[in-house]
Protein backbone atom coordinates (compact mmCIF):
# COMPACT_ATOMS: atom_id res chain seq x y z
CA GLY A 1 -12.53 -4.87 -38.93
CA SER A 2 -10.53 -1.63 -39.30
CA GLN A 3 -12.89 0.17 -35.88
CA THR A 4 -12.01 -2.97 -33.53
CA ARG A 5 -8.28 -2.38 -34.23
CA ALA A 6 -8.49 0.97 -34.41
CA ALA A 7 -10.40 0.66 -30.75
CA LEU A 8 -8.10 -1.94 -29.50
CA SER A 9 -4.94 -0.17 -30.28
CA ARG A 10 -6.57 3.07 -28.44
CA VAL A 11 -7.07 1.34 -24.83
CA ALA A 12 -3.42 -0.39 -25.54
CA ARG A 13 -2.35 3.47 -25.57
CA VAL A 14 -4.55 4.52 -22.82
CA ILE A 15 -3.79 1.61 -20.46
CA PRO A 16 -0.70 2.70 -18.83
CA ALA A 17 -1.84 6.05 -17.88
CA ALA A 18 -5.83 4.85 -17.02
CA PRO A 19 -5.11 4.25 -13.65
CA VAL A 20 -5.79 8.11 -12.63
CA LEU A 21 -9.35 8.09 -14.41
CA ASP A 22 -10.19 5.88 -11.17
CA SER A 23 -9.16 8.54 -8.58
CA ASP A 24 -11.50 7.69 -5.51
CA GLY A 25 -13.20 11.12 -5.71
CA ARG A 26 -9.54 13.24 -5.92
CA VAL A 27 -9.73 16.76 -7.58
CA LEU A 28 -6.36 17.64 -9.73
CA ARG A 29 -5.89 21.06 -9.83
CA PRO A 30 -3.43 23.83 -11.02
CA GLY A 31 -0.09 23.46 -9.85
CA ALA A 32 -0.29 19.65 -8.68
CA ARG A 33 3.25 17.90 -9.36
CA VAL A 34 2.07 14.07 -8.81
CA ASP A 35 2.38 11.42 -10.95
CA ASP A 36 -1.68 11.85 -11.67
CA VAL A 37 -0.49 14.70 -13.84
CA ALA A 38 2.16 12.53 -15.98
CA GLN A 39 -0.97 10.22 -16.63
CA LEU A 40 -3.92 12.90 -17.17
CA GLN A 41 -1.53 15.01 -19.73
CA GLU A 42 -1.54 11.69 -22.10
CA ILE A 43 -4.52 10.77 -21.30
CA LEU A 44 -5.59 14.35 -22.64
CA ARG A 45 -3.54 13.77 -25.67
CA LEU A 46 -5.19 10.67 -26.54
CA ALA A 47 -8.12 12.43 -26.48
CA GLY A 48 -7.15 15.03 -28.69
CA HIS A 49 -6.55 17.90 -26.60
CA ASP A 50 -2.66 18.94 -26.32
CA PRO A 51 -1.69 19.56 -22.66
CA GLY A 52 2.02 20.08 -24.28
CA SER A 53 4.30 18.39 -22.90
CA VAL A 54 4.18 15.46 -20.60
CA VAL A 55 6.10 16.03 -17.47
CA GLY A 56 3.77 15.89 -14.73
CA VAL A 57 2.66 19.30 -13.77
CA PHE A 58 -0.03 20.95 -13.83
CA GLY A 59 0.26 24.08 -15.52
CA PRO A 60 -1.69 26.52 -17.67
CA LEU A 61 -1.29 24.34 -21.37
CA THR A 62 -2.94 21.07 -19.07
CA GLN A 63 -5.88 23.62 -17.50
CA ALA A 64 -6.43 25.12 -21.29
CA ALA A 65 -6.85 21.50 -22.42
CA ILE A 66 -8.80 19.98 -19.45
CA GLU A 67 -11.19 23.85 -20.27
CA SER A 68 -11.27 22.61 -24.03
CA PHE A 69 -12.32 19.02 -23.54
CA GLN A 70 -14.74 20.07 -20.82
CA ALA A 71 -16.35 22.71 -23.37
CA GLU A 72 -16.09 19.87 -26.10
CA ALA A 73 -17.47 17.75 -23.82
CA GLY A 74 -20.54 19.95 -22.17
CA ILE A 75 -19.81 19.77 -18.90
CA GLU A 76 -18.95 22.54 -16.30
CA VAL A 77 -15.90 24.45 -17.74
CA ASP A 78 -13.24 24.59 -14.43
CA GLY A 79 -9.79 23.64 -15.37
CA LYS A 80 -9.95 20.76 -12.95
CA ILE A 81 -10.24 17.08 -13.23
CA GLY A 82 -13.26 16.14 -10.80
CA PRO A 83 -15.55 12.30 -11.22
CA ILE A 84 -17.70 13.57 -13.92
CA THR A 85 -14.64 14.81 -16.25
CA ARG A 86 -12.72 11.92 -15.30
CA ALA A 87 -15.98 9.72 -16.79
CA LYS A 88 -16.48 11.91 -19.73
CA LEU A 89 -12.55 11.07 -20.53
CA SER A 90 -13.24 7.82 -19.48
CA ASN A 91 -16.45 7.25 -22.25
CA VAL A 92 -14.84 9.79 -25.12
CA LEU A 93 -11.41 6.78 -25.03
CA GLY A 94 -14.19 3.65 -24.30
CA LEU A 95 -12.78 2.89 -21.39
CA VAL A 96 -15.97 2.68 -19.85
CA GLY A 97 -17.30 -0.57 -17.27
CA LEU A 98 -13.26 -1.02 -17.41
CA GLN A 99 -11.73 -1.57 -13.56
CA PHE A 100 -8.22 -0.28 -13.11
CA CYS A 101 -5.33 -0.99 -10.03
CA SER A 102 -3.27 1.78 -9.20
């Protein structure tokens, strides 16, 4: 039905950026400039937290979007993307249990 179509549409939009959610314990911090940051920015946008332009630079808007997500998710607000924040993002986007290759 319509809920299934909406869930499939959400997963289809996030799949290209999903490898950033499977990070082998890496932590993304403000100032980072790696491909993972652009993927993270897209995931934050899909989760409803605007990181500004998806440019691959972990700046103040990306940090604010992460902090907003963390507060909403009820986890420690530290402005970084570590294992707990990644797990919560996966859950919110309906990606729990899916395995991704990078």
